Amino acid sequence: MIVASGPVKIAVLDMAIKGEPAKSQTLTEVLTTEAAKAQGVHLLSSADIEAMLSFERQKDLLGCTDDVACMADIGNALGVQYLLVSSLGHLERTYILNMKLIDVRRASVVKRVYKSFEGDQRQIITTIKAALPELLSQVGGTFVRQQKRWPKWALVGGGAGLMAIGVIVKASGHAASGTYGSSQT
């Protein structure tokens, strides 16, 4: 793991999805929003990148898609330490998500994450959420899992019992409280 003294600056480039620009934009927004939940990172979205680069510089830099050295030039122009580059493809019913984190200064890939799944498109977002902690942990990005709280109606007192949503709460004269759920998303 690479340790930084402050928040790590990462630029999120548009997710590459051949022939589907609308889906690319939507999933890039999802990726950026989910990555922004990590503590210890500061993100620049593709919209931020477009606003920061001059039109001529955009034409020069955004034309490079797979060349790591070219992508490092983008990162240097933006003043970030890392670039998050991603792509999504599918073969029949199998979707393939690839993400990589590029160290701008070294012009090298420091972490790659590959996830695949069979099913429909609704699983893409779940797969992005599952891949990000693995990718961003390389640079100290951490995700704090939110614990769900018992709803107020689940408080029990005075010898009564409550069964709701498959959970049995035994009353022993004390109010039931606490957290439920797992640490998995």
Protein backbone atom coordinates (compact mmCIF):
# COMPACT_ATOMS: atom_id res chain seq x y z
CA MET A 1 0.00 0.00 0.00
CA ILE A 2 1.17 3.52 -0.79
CA VAL A 3 0.86 5.94 2.13
CA ALA A 4 0.21 9.65 1.48
CA SER A 5 0.46 12.55 3.93
CA GLY A 6 -2.91 14.04 2.93
CA PRO A 7 -5.82 13.13 0.71
CA VAL A 8 -4.70 11.40 -2.46
CA LYS A 9 -5.77 13.26 -5.61
CA ILE A 10 -7.31 10.97 -8.22
CA ALA A 11 -8.83 11.89 -11.57
CA VAL A 12 -11.59 9.57 -12.78
CA LEU A 13 -11.57 9.23 -16.56
CA ASP A 14 -14.65 8.25 -18.55
CA MET A 15 -15.43 4.55 -18.47
CA ALA A 16 -14.73 3.03 -21.86
CA ILE A 17 -17.77 1.23 -23.28
CA LYS A 18 -17.61 0.75 -27.02
CA GLY A 19 -20.60 2.13 -28.88
CA GLU A 20 -22.56 3.21 -25.81
CA PRO A 21 -21.70 6.84 -24.89
CA ALA A 22 -24.84 7.36 -22.78
CA LYS A 23 -24.11 4.28 -20.69
CA SER A 24 -20.46 5.35 -20.43
CA GLN A 25 -21.43 8.75 -19.02
CA THR A 26 -23.92 7.27 -16.56
CA LEU A 27 -21.53 4.61 -15.26
CA THR A 28 -18.69 7.13 -15.01
CA GLU A 29 -20.93 9.23 -12.77
CA VAL A 30 -21.75 6.16 -10.66
CA LEU A 31 -18.06 5.25 -10.43
CA THR A 32 -17.11 8.80 -9.41
CA THR A 33 -19.90 9.06 -6.83
CA GLU A 34 -19.05 5.70 -5.27
CA ALA A 35 -15.30 6.40 -5.27
CA ALA A 36 -15.96 9.76 -3.57
CA LYS A 37 -17.29 7.83 -0.56
CA ALA A 38 -13.75 6.65 0.19
CA GLN A 39 -11.97 8.46 2.98
CA GLY A 40 -8.48 9.74 2.22
CA VAL A 41 -9.06 10.54 -1.44
CA HIS A 42 -9.96 13.70 -3.35
CA LEU A 43 -11.52 13.07 -6.76
CA LEU A 44 -11.76 14.98 -9.99
CA SER A 45 -14.62 13.83 -12.20
CA SER A 46 -14.51 13.82 -15.98
CA ALA A 47 -16.60 17.01 -15.89
CA ASP A 48 -13.96 18.62 -13.64
CA ILE A 49 -11.27 17.51 -16.08
CA GLU A 50 -13.08 19.03 -19.05
CA ALA A 51 -13.47 22.32 -17.20
CA MET A 52 -9.79 22.43 -16.23
CA LEU A 53 -8.18 21.60 -19.56
CA SER A 54 -8.14 24.03 -22.46
CA PHE A 55 -9.92 22.92 -25.62
CA GLU A 56 -6.68 22.28 -27.53
CA ARG A 57 -5.13 20.38 -24.61
CA GLN A 58 -8.30 18.25 -24.35
CA LYS A 59 -8.04 17.29 -27.99
CA ASP A 60 -4.39 16.29 -27.55
CA LEU A 61 -4.74 14.42 -24.26
CA LEU A 62 -8.16 12.83 -24.40
CA GLY A 63 -7.28 11.03 -27.62
CA CYS A 64 -5.09 8.56 -25.75
CA THR A 65 -7.07 5.65 -24.39
CA ASP A 66 -4.72 2.78 -23.54
CA ASP A 67 -1.28 4.37 -23.49
CA VAL A 68 -0.18 4.66 -19.85
CA ALA A 69 2.46 7.33 -20.59
CA CYS A 70 -0.11 9.42 -22.46
CA MET A 71 -2.55 9.06 -19.56
CA ALA A 72 0.19 10.12 -17.15
CA ASP A 73 0.46 13.35 -19.16
CA ILE A 74 -3.24 13.96 -18.46
CA GLY A 75 -2.62 13.44 -14.74
CA ASN A 76 0.34 15.82 -14.75
CA ALA A 77 -1.73 18.46 -16.55
CA LEU A 78 -4.41 18.09 -13.87
CA GLY A 79 -2.02 18.05 -10.90
CA VAL A 80 -3.26 14.67 -9.62
CA GLN A 81 -1.25 11.76 -8.25
CA TYR A 82 -3.34 8.96 -9.80
CA LEU A 83 -5.75 8.28 -12.63
CA LEU A 84 -8.62 5.83 -12.29
CA VAL A 85 -9.23 4.25 -15.69
CA SER A 86 -12.04 1.76 -16.31
CA SER A 87 -13.73 -0.20 -19.04
CA LEU A 88 -16.79 -2.40 -19.32
CA GLY A 89 -17.41 -5.05 -21.92
CA HIS A 90 -19.59 -8.09 -22.32
CA LEU A 91 -19.57 -11.40 -24.10
CA GLU A 92 -23.07 -12.80 -24.41
CA ARG A 93 -24.40 -12.71 -20.80
CA THR A 94 -21.02 -12.19 -19.11
CA TYR A 95 -20.02 -8.64 -18.19
CA ILE A 96 -16.38 -7.76 -17.60
CA LEU A 97 -15.32 -4.73 -15.54
CA ASN A 98 -11.68 -3.69 -15.60
CA MET A 99 -10.29 -0.89 -13.46
CA LYS A 100 -6.75 0.29 -13.06
CA LEU A 101 -5.02 2.92 -10.98
CA ILE A 102 -2.16 4.72 -12.73
CA ASP A 103 0.62 6.45 -10.80
CA VAL A 104 1.07 9.66 -12.79
CA ARG A 105 4.61 10.41 -11.61
CA ARG A 106 5.90 6.95 -12.48
CA ALA A 107 3.65 6.48 -15.53
CA SER A 108 2.85 2.97 -14.35
CA VAL A 109 -0.15 0.93 -13.29
CA VAL A 110 -0.05 0.35 -9.51
CA LYS A 111 -3.23 -1.71 -9.18
CA ARG A 112 -5.57 -3.60 -11.49
CA VAL A 113 -8.96 -4.99 -10.56
CA TYR A 114 -10.92 -7.31 -12.80
CA LYS A 115 -14.47 -8.43 -12.02
CA SER A 116 -16.86 -10.46 -14.12
CA PHE A 117 -20.41 -11.61 -13.61
CA GLU A 118 -23.21 -13.24 -15.52
CA GLY A 119 -26.59 -11.64 -15.53
CA ASP A 120 -28.20 -8.39 -16.44
CA GLN A 121 -27.00 -4.80 -16.43
CA ARG A 122 -28.42 -4.07 -13.00
CA GLN A 123 -25.45 -5.89 -11.47
CA ILE A 124 -22.94 -3.44 -12.97
CA ILE A 125 -23.33 -0.91 -10.16
CA THR A 126 -23.01 -3.61 -7.48
CA THR A 127 -19.85 -4.83 -9.20
CA ILE A 128 -18.39 -1.29 -9.31
CA LYS A 129 -19.10 -0.90 -5.57
CA ALA A 130 -17.38 -4.23 -4.87
CA ALA A 131 -14.28 -3.40 -6.94
CA LEU A 132 -13.57 0.12 -5.64
CA PRO A 133 -12.41 -0.75 -2.09
CA GLU A 134 -9.93 -3.25 -3.53
CA LEU A 135 -8.61 -0.69 -6.02
CA LEU A 136 -8.44 2.36 -3.74
CA SER A 137 -6.97 0.48 -0.77
CA GLN A 138 -3.70 0.55 -2.75
CA VAL A 139 -3.42 4.29 -2.06
CA GLY A 140 -4.93 4.37 1.41
CA GLY A 141 -8.55 5.00 0.42
CA THR A 142 -10.88 3.42 2.95
CA PHE A 143 -14.59 2.87 2.88
CA VAL A 144 -16.54 3.04 6.13
CA ARG A 145 -19.46 0.68 5.97
CA GLN A 146 -22.58 2.26 7.35
CA GLN A 147 -24.30 0.10 9.92
CA LYS A 148 -28.05 0.11 9.69
CA ARG A 149 -29.87 1.13 12.87
CA TRP A 150 -32.93 -0.58 14.28
CA PRO A 151 -36.03 1.34 13.30
CA LYS A 152 -37.85 3.06 16.16
CA TRP A 153 -40.80 0.69 15.87
CA ALA A 154 -38.48 -2.22 16.71
CA LEU A 155 -37.94 -1.00 20.25
CA VAL A 156 -39.48 -3.50 22.64
CA GLY A 157 -40.23 -3.16 26.28
CA GLY A 158 -42.14 -4.65 29.18
CA GLY A 159 -42.40 -8.40 28.53
CA ALA A 160 -43.65 -8.25 24.93
CA GLY A 161 -41.97 -9.92 22.00
CA LEU A 162 -41.83 -8.77 18.42
CA MET A 163 -41.30 -10.68 15.23
CA ALA A 164 -40.71 -8.59 12.12
CA ILE A 165 -39.01 -9.28 8.83
CA GLY A 166 -37.75 -12.66 10.00
CA VAL A 167 -36.09 -11.28 13.14
CA ILE A 168 -37.29 -12.39 16.55
CA VAL A 169 -36.63 -10.00 19.38
CA LYS A 170 -37.16 -11.46 22.86
CA ALA A 171 -38.22 -8.99 25.42
CA SER A 172 -36.75 -9.24 28.85
CA GLY A 173 -37.97 -5.96 30.18
CA HIS A 174 -35.23 -4.12 28.26
CA ALA A 175 -35.59 -2.18 25.04
CA ALA A 176 -34.03 -3.85 22.03
CA SER A 177 -31.56 -1.65 20.23
CA GLY A 178 -28.40 -1.94 18.24
CA THR A 179 -27.35 -2.61 14.69
CA TYR A 180 -28.37 -5.22 12.21
CA GLY A 181 -27.13 -6.24 8.80
CA SER A 182 -23.78 -7.47 7.62
CA SER A 183 -20.65 -5.67 6.59
CA GLN A 184 -21.18 -6.83 3.01
CA THR A 185 -22.90 -4.51 0.56
